[in-house]
Protein backbone atom coordinates (compact mmCIF):
# COMPACT_ATOMS: atom_id res chain seq x y z
CA UNK A 1 37.20 -32.91 -51.00
CA UNK A 2 34.08 -34.88 -51.96
CA UNK A 3 30.68 -33.16 -52.11
CA UNK A 4 28.71 -34.71 -49.24
CA UNK A 5 25.57 -34.78 -51.41
CA UNK A 6 27.32 -37.28 -53.68
CA UNK A 7 27.72 -39.64 -50.70
CA UNK A 8 25.59 -42.07 -48.70
CA UNK A 9 26.06 -43.60 -45.26
CA UNK A 10 25.22 -47.20 -44.36
CA UNK A 11 25.25 -48.33 -40.73
CA UNK A 12 25.08 -51.83 -39.23
CA UNK A 13 24.70 -51.77 -35.46
CA UNK A 14 24.23 -54.64 -33.04
CA UNK A 15 25.03 -56.09 -29.66
CA UNK A 16 28.76 -56.43 -30.26
CA UNK A 17 29.82 -53.63 -32.61
CA UNK A 18 28.71 -50.83 -34.92
CA UNK A 19 30.03 -50.28 -38.43
CA UNK A 20 29.43 -47.20 -40.59
CA UNK A 21 30.45 -46.96 -44.23
CA UNK A 22 30.66 -43.77 -46.26
CA UNK A 23 30.10 -44.65 -49.92
CA UNK A 24 29.78 -43.10 -53.36
CA UNK A 25 26.07 -42.58 -54.03
CA UNK A 26 26.42 -43.38 -57.73
CA UNK A 27 28.54 -46.54 -57.61
CA UNK A 28 28.18 -47.76 -54.02
CA UNK A 29 31.98 -47.93 -53.69
CA UNK A 30 33.16 -47.66 -50.10
CA UNK A 31 35.21 -44.54 -49.36
CA UNK A 32 35.58 -44.78 -45.60
CA UNK A 33 34.75 -47.16 -42.77
CA UNK A 34 34.30 -46.47 -39.08
CA UNK A 35 33.88 -49.01 -36.28
CA UNK A 36 32.67 -48.55 -32.72
CA UNK A 37 31.10 -50.49 -29.85
CA UNK A 38 27.59 -51.92 -29.47
CA UNK A 39 24.60 -49.75 -30.39
CA UNK A 40 21.66 -51.96 -29.40
CA UNK A 41 19.66 -49.51 -27.29
CA UNK A 42 17.88 -52.37 -25.50
CA UNK A 43 21.19 -53.92 -24.44
CA UNK A 44 23.44 -50.95 -23.65
CA UNK A 45 21.01 -48.09 -23.11
CA UNK A 46 20.21 -45.05 -25.21
CA UNK A 47 23.12 -42.83 -24.21
CA UNK A 48 25.79 -45.43 -24.87
CA UNK A 49 24.16 -46.62 -28.10
CA UNK A 50 23.96 -43.12 -29.56
CA UNK A 51 27.56 -42.42 -28.55
CA UNK A 52 28.76 -45.51 -30.45
CA UNK A 53 26.64 -44.68 -33.49
CA UNK A 54 28.15 -41.24 -33.64
CA UNK A 55 31.68 -42.58 -33.14
CA UNK A 56 31.23 -44.98 -36.07
CA UNK A 57 30.00 -42.18 -38.35
CA UNK A 58 32.87 -39.92 -37.28
CA UNK A 59 35.28 -42.76 -38.04
CA UNK A 60 33.85 -43.30 -41.52
CA UNK A 61 34.26 -39.62 -42.46
CA UNK A 62 37.73 -39.52 -40.97
CA UNK A 63 38.75 -42.68 -42.83
CA UNK A 64 37.51 -41.17 -46.09
CA UNK A 65 39.29 -37.88 -45.31
CA UNK A 66 36.00 -36.06 -45.89
CA UNK A 67 34.65 -33.26 -43.70
CA UNK A 68 31.50 -34.39 -41.95
CA UNK A 69 28.32 -32.95 -43.45
CA UNK A 70 24.79 -34.17 -44.25
CA UNK A 71 24.86 -36.87 -46.94
CA UNK A 72 22.40 -37.57 -49.73
CA UNK A 73 20.88 -40.58 -47.96
CA UNK A 74 21.49 -42.85 -44.97
CA UNK A 75 20.27 -46.31 -44.03
CA UNK A 76 20.61 -47.77 -40.55
CA UNK A 77 20.09 -51.43 -39.74
CA UNK A 78 20.12 -51.69 -35.95
CA UNK A 79 19.36 -54.39 -33.44
CA UNK A 80 16.90 -53.36 -30.74
CA UNK A 81 14.74 -50.92 -32.74
CA UNK A 82 11.72 -53.17 -33.27
CA UNK A 83 9.61 -51.02 -30.95
CA UNK A 84 8.37 -47.62 -32.10
CA UNK A 85 10.13 -45.73 -29.31
CA UNK A 86 13.44 -47.20 -30.47
CA UNK A 87 12.88 -45.89 -33.98
CA UNK A 88 11.95 -42.47 -32.57
CA UNK A 89 15.17 -42.30 -30.53
CA UNK A 90 17.36 -43.12 -33.54
CA UNK A 91 15.53 -40.71 -35.84
CA UNK A 92 15.85 -37.98 -33.22
CA UNK A 93 19.61 -38.55 -33.03
CA UNK A 94 19.91 -38.54 -36.83
CA UNK A 95 18.09 -35.20 -36.99
CA UNK A 96 20.26 -33.76 -34.22
CA UNK A 97 23.54 -34.64 -35.93
CA UNK A 98 22.12 -33.75 -39.38
CA UNK A 99 22.97 -37.15 -40.81
CA UNK A 100 20.71 -36.89 -43.86
CA UNK A 101 17.32 -35.59 -44.96
CA UNK A 102 16.65 -38.99 -46.54
CA UNK A 103 16.79 -41.68 -43.90
CA UNK A 104 15.60 -45.20 -43.24
CA UNK A 105 15.90 -47.02 -39.91
CA UNK A 106 14.98 -50.66 -39.43
CA UNK A 107 16.06 -53.86 -37.70
CA UNK A 108 19.51 -55.05 -38.73
CA UNK A 109 17.96 -58.11 -40.42
CA UNK A 110 16.81 -55.86 -43.28
CA UNK A 111 20.45 -55.52 -44.30
CA UNK A 112 20.67 -59.25 -44.94
CA UNK A 113 17.84 -59.19 -47.45
CA UNK A 114 19.39 -56.22 -49.27
CA UNK A 115 22.85 -57.79 -49.37
CA UNK A 116 22.07 -61.50 -49.69
CA UNK A 117 18.91 -62.05 -51.76
CA UNK A 118 18.35 -61.31 -55.47
CA UNK A 119 15.29 -59.09 -55.02
CA UNK A 120 15.50 -57.99 -51.38
CA UNK A 121 13.06 -60.52 -49.91
CA UNK A 122 13.12 -64.10 -48.65
CA UNK A 123 14.49 -65.86 -45.57
CA UNK A 124 17.42 -64.54 -43.53
CA UNK A 125 19.26 -66.64 -40.97
CA UNK A 126 21.68 -65.35 -38.35
CA UNK A 127 23.74 -68.15 -36.80
CA UNK A 128 26.68 -66.77 -34.89
CA UNK A 129 26.98 -66.48 -31.11
CA UNK A 130 23.16 -66.43 -31.10
CA UNK A 131 20.55 -67.38 -33.68
CA UNK A 132 17.38 -65.95 -35.21
CA UNK A 133 15.40 -66.27 -38.43
CA UNK A 134 13.65 -63.46 -40.29
CA UNK A 135 11.42 -63.37 -43.34
CA UNK A 136 10.46 -60.49 -45.59
CA UNK A 137 7.98 -60.83 -48.45
CA UNK A 138 7.90 -58.89 -51.70
CA UNK A 139 5.40 -56.41 -50.21
CA UNK A 140 7.59 -55.66 -47.19
CA UNK A 141 5.72 -57.73 -44.58
CA UNK A 142 8.12 -59.27 -42.07
CA UNK A 143 8.06 -62.15 -39.60
CA UNK A 144 10.55 -63.86 -37.34
CA UNK A 145 11.27 -66.88 -35.16
CA UNK A 146 13.94 -67.47 -32.55
CA UNK A 147 16.02 -64.68 -31.10
CA UNK A 148 15.09 -65.53 -27.50
CA UNK A 149 18.66 -65.27 -26.26
CA UNK A 150 21.04 -67.81 -24.80
CA UNK A 151 18.95 -68.66 -21.73
CA UNK A 152 15.65 -69.21 -23.53
CA UNK A 153 16.68 -70.18 -27.03
CA UNK A 154 19.50 -69.62 -29.55
CA UNK A 155 19.01 -73.11 -30.98
CA UNK A 156 21.57 -73.91 -33.66
CA UNK A 157 23.91 -71.14 -32.53
CA UNK A 158 27.63 -71.30 -31.83
CA UNK A 159 27.00 -70.75 -28.12
CA UNK A 160 24.53 -73.61 -27.97
CA UNK A 161 26.91 -75.98 -29.77
CA UNK A 162 29.86 -74.92 -27.64
CA UNK A 163 27.84 -75.35 -24.44
CA UNK A 164 26.47 -78.78 -25.39
CA UNK A 165 30.01 -79.86 -26.26
CA UNK A 166 31.20 -78.71 -22.85
CA UNK A 167 28.39 -80.56 -21.10
CA UNK A 168 29.23 -83.72 -23.05
CA UNK A 169 32.90 -83.37 -22.08
CA UNK A 170 31.90 -83.15 -18.40
CA UNK A 171 29.75 -86.27 -18.67
CA UNK A 172 32.60 -88.08 -20.39
CA UNK A 173 34.90 -87.02 -17.54
CA UNK A 174 32.43 -88.68 -15.14
CA UNK A 175 32.48 -91.78 -17.39
CA UNK A 176 28.72 -91.50 -17.85
CA UNK A 177 27.44 -92.49 -21.27
CA UNK A 178 29.70 -92.91 -24.27
CA UNK A 179 33.30 -91.78 -24.17
CA UNK A 180 33.94 -88.87 -26.50
CA UNK A 181 36.88 -87.15 -28.11
CA UNK A 182 35.23 -83.92 -26.98
CA UNK A 183 36.83 -84.32 -23.54
CA UNK A 184 40.48 -84.27 -24.69
CA UNK A 185 39.63 -81.63 -27.29
CA UNK A 186 38.14 -79.30 -24.68
CA UNK A 187 40.96 -79.99 -22.24
CA UNK A 188 43.39 -78.96 -24.96
CA UNK A 189 41.51 -75.66 -25.34
CA UNK A 190 41.63 -75.30 -21.55
CA UNK A 191 45.36 -76.00 -21.45
CA UNK A 192 44.94 -78.53 -18.67
CA UNK A 193 44.59 -82.26 -18.15
CA UNK A 194 42.19 -81.84 -15.21
CA UNK A 195 38.48 -81.64 -16.18
CA UNK A 196 37.66 -80.05 -12.83
CA UNK A 197 39.38 -76.93 -14.12
CA UNK A 198 36.27 -76.40 -16.28
CA UNK A 199 34.47 -75.25 -13.13
CA UNK A 200 36.47 -72.11 -12.25
CA UNK A 201 37.08 -71.10 -15.86
CA UNK A 202 33.33 -71.11 -16.56
CA UNK A 203 31.87 -69.90 -13.27
CA UNK A 204 34.47 -67.23 -12.66
CA UNK A 205 33.74 -65.87 -16.11
CA UNK A 206 36.92 -66.39 -18.14
CA UNK A 207 34.95 -68.62 -20.46
CA UNK A 208 32.04 -66.25 -20.94
CA UNK A 209 29.28 -66.51 -23.55
CA UNK A 210 31.55 -65.42 -26.41
CA UNK A 211 34.34 -67.79 -25.35
CA UNK A 212 31.97 -70.75 -25.14
CA UNK A 213 30.58 -69.86 -28.57
CA UNK A 214 34.15 -69.85 -29.89
CA UNK A 215 34.34 -73.55 -28.94
CA UNK A 216 31.73 -74.53 -31.55
CA UNK A 217 34.39 -75.22 -34.22
CA UNK A 218 35.94 -77.74 -31.80
CA UNK A 219 32.66 -79.68 -31.76
CA UNK A 220 32.38 -79.56 -35.55
CA UNK A 221 35.97 -80.74 -35.98
CA UNK A 222 35.42 -83.65 -33.59
CA UNK A 223 32.15 -84.48 -35.37
CA UNK A 224 33.95 -84.54 -38.72
CA UNK A 225 36.32 -87.16 -37.28
CA UNK A 226 33.37 -89.49 -36.66
CA UNK A 227 32.83 -89.00 -32.93
CA UNK A 228 29.25 -90.11 -32.19
CA UNK A 229 28.58 -87.60 -29.39
CA UNK A 230 29.85 -84.59 -31.32
CA UNK A 231 28.00 -85.74 -34.44
CA UNK A 232 24.74 -85.98 -32.49
CA UNK A 233 25.19 -82.40 -31.22
CA UNK A 234 26.06 -81.10 -34.69
CA UNK A 235 23.07 -82.78 -36.35
CA UNK A 236 20.63 -81.85 -33.57
CA UNK A 237 21.53 -78.15 -33.64
CA UNK A 238 21.45 -77.92 -37.44
CA UNK A 239 17.98 -79.50 -37.26
CA UNK A 240 16.83 -77.04 -34.58
CA UNK A 241 18.09 -74.07 -36.61
CA UNK A 242 16.18 -75.43 -39.62
CA UNK A 243 13.03 -75.75 -37.51
CA UNK A 244 13.43 -72.12 -36.43
CA UNK A 245 13.81 -71.08 -40.07
CA UNK A 246 10.76 -73.08 -41.12
CA UNK A 247 8.81 -71.46 -38.30
CA UNK A 248 9.67 -68.01 -39.62
CA UNK A 249 8.66 -69.05 -43.15
CA UNK A 250 5.30 -70.27 -41.86
CA UNK A 251 4.77 -67.11 -39.80
CA UNK A 252 5.51 -64.94 -42.82
CA UNK A 253 3.45 -66.98 -45.26
CA UNK A 254 6.33 -67.18 -47.72
CA UNK A 255 6.49 -69.73 -50.55
CA UNK A 256 8.19 -72.91 -49.41
CA UNK A 257 9.72 -73.77 -52.79
CA UNK A 258 12.72 -72.04 -54.36
CA UNK A 259 12.92 -69.57 -51.46
CA UNK A 260 15.79 -67.03 -51.57
CA UNK A 261 17.96 -67.32 -48.46
CA UNK A 262 20.56 -65.01 -46.91
CA UNK A 263 22.92 -66.47 -44.32
CA UNK A 264 25.17 -64.64 -41.90
CA UNK A 265 27.06 -65.35 -38.68
CA UNK A 266 30.35 -67.12 -38.15
CA UNK A 267 28.81 -70.57 -37.79
CA UNK A 268 27.15 -70.69 -41.22
CA UNK A 269 29.68 -68.49 -43.00
CA UNK A 270 32.83 -70.28 -41.85
CA UNK A 271 31.66 -73.91 -41.68
CA UNK A 272 30.62 -75.39 -45.01
CA UNK A 273 29.78 -78.63 -43.20
CA UNK A 274 27.34 -76.92 -40.86
CA UNK A 275 25.84 -74.82 -43.63
CA UNK A 276 25.24 -77.89 -45.83
CA UNK A 277 23.65 -79.80 -42.96
CA UNK A 278 21.38 -76.87 -42.12
CA UNK A 279 20.17 -76.64 -45.74
CA UNK A 280 19.61 -80.41 -45.74
CA UNK A 281 17.52 -80.18 -42.57
CA UNK A 282 15.62 -77.19 -44.00
CA UNK A 283 14.57 -79.32 -46.97
CA UNK A 284 13.46 -82.00 -44.49
CA UNK A 285 11.26 -79.32 -42.88
CA UNK A 286 9.56 -78.75 -46.23
CA UNK A 287 11.39 -75.57 -47.29
CA UNK A 288 13.38 -75.81 -50.54
CA UNK A 289 16.17 -73.22 -50.83
CA UNK A 290 16.50 -71.15 -53.97
CA UNK A 291 19.43 -68.75 -54.29
CA UNK A 292 21.60 -68.87 -51.14
CA UNK A 293 23.62 -65.73 -50.40
CA UNK A 294 26.41 -65.59 -47.82
CA UNK A 295 26.55 -62.18 -46.15
CA UNK A 296 29.95 -61.73 -44.56
CA UNK A 297 29.57 -57.96 -44.14
CA UNK A 298 25.93 -56.89 -43.61
CA UNK A 299 26.78 -53.18 -43.78
CA UNK A 300 26.95 -53.67 -47.57
CA UNK A 301 23.17 -54.06 -47.40
CA UNK A 302 22.88 -50.72 -45.61
CA UNK A 303 24.68 -49.00 -48.48
CA UNK A 304 22.33 -50.72 -50.95
CA UNK A 305 19.30 -49.44 -49.01
CA UNK A 306 20.70 -45.92 -48.75
CA UNK A 307 21.26 -45.77 -52.51
CA UNK A 308 17.69 -47.00 -53.10
CA UNK A 309 16.40 -43.96 -51.22
CA UNK A 310 17.80 -41.88 -54.06
CA UNK A 311 15.74 -43.75 -56.63
C-alpha cells in the first residue's frame, strides 16, 4: 500500500471526457488512471461536472490499487473554469473530498504548456473537433484567440474541414462549380450512391458534430491526391488556424521569433501534412516556430504541475 503523501494527482477535464492520473511524486511515473465523462461546468452543469471529476479520481485510485486519501499535491486543468466562480466551485469540491492541501486549478490549456514546451511558456494550439490558441509568457500572463465554438468560429478545426468538405460534395452533386473527388469519397463514408441521403443523415442527427469532424481525414486524403477543391479547403483552414495562432501571439505580446509551440488535437497530432502546412502558414503570418511539442496526452502536463507544487 503506497503512502498517499508520496503521490500526486493530475486531472485533465474537458467537454468530452475527464482523465485523472495518480502518479509517484518523486518520479512522475503513472500508477493509476481513471476516465470519466465531461467535466466542463459551463457545458454540462456543476452537478454533472463534479460527479465526473470524482469518478475519474476514484478510477485512478482503484486502478493503482491504492486506498483513496489526500495526496501530496494535485493539479487540475479544466475547460470552463476561466471565470472566478468556476474556480471557486472546483476548489470547494476539492476541499470537500479532501483531494490535497496543495492544489492548483486552471484552464486545461495550461497542461499543454507544461507538457509540450521546454520551459512551460509559449504558444499552445488545440486543433481537434474545435480549435483555439493560447499563449502564456514567462511571467505567467496568458492570452487567447479563437474558441468561439462551431457556430461562430472553430477555424482550422476538424469539424470545419469536415463540414466544408460536405458542402463541396453537395455542390458537386448539383454539378455547380468544379467536380470533386470529395463527392464519391463522402458517399463511400455514407454507404450510399445517392447524395440526397446526406440530408436525413445530417439533419436527423446521425452525423452530428463529432461525426462530421471525423470526416476531416477524408478531405485531407482527397487533397493529397491532388483534388483542387479539397486542396483549397485544406490550405484555407490551415491558414485560418495560423491566423488564429498569430492573433493569440499578438494579444499576449510574445516574441514572434523562435517561439516554443505545443500542439494537441487529433487534426495536428495525426496528420503530418496538416501540421506542416499550419507551421508554414504560421511563418507566413510572421511567427517563426521554435521547439514544437506534440501533446498526445495533456494529463501528463497536470502531473508535471502537481509535482512543481512540491518544489
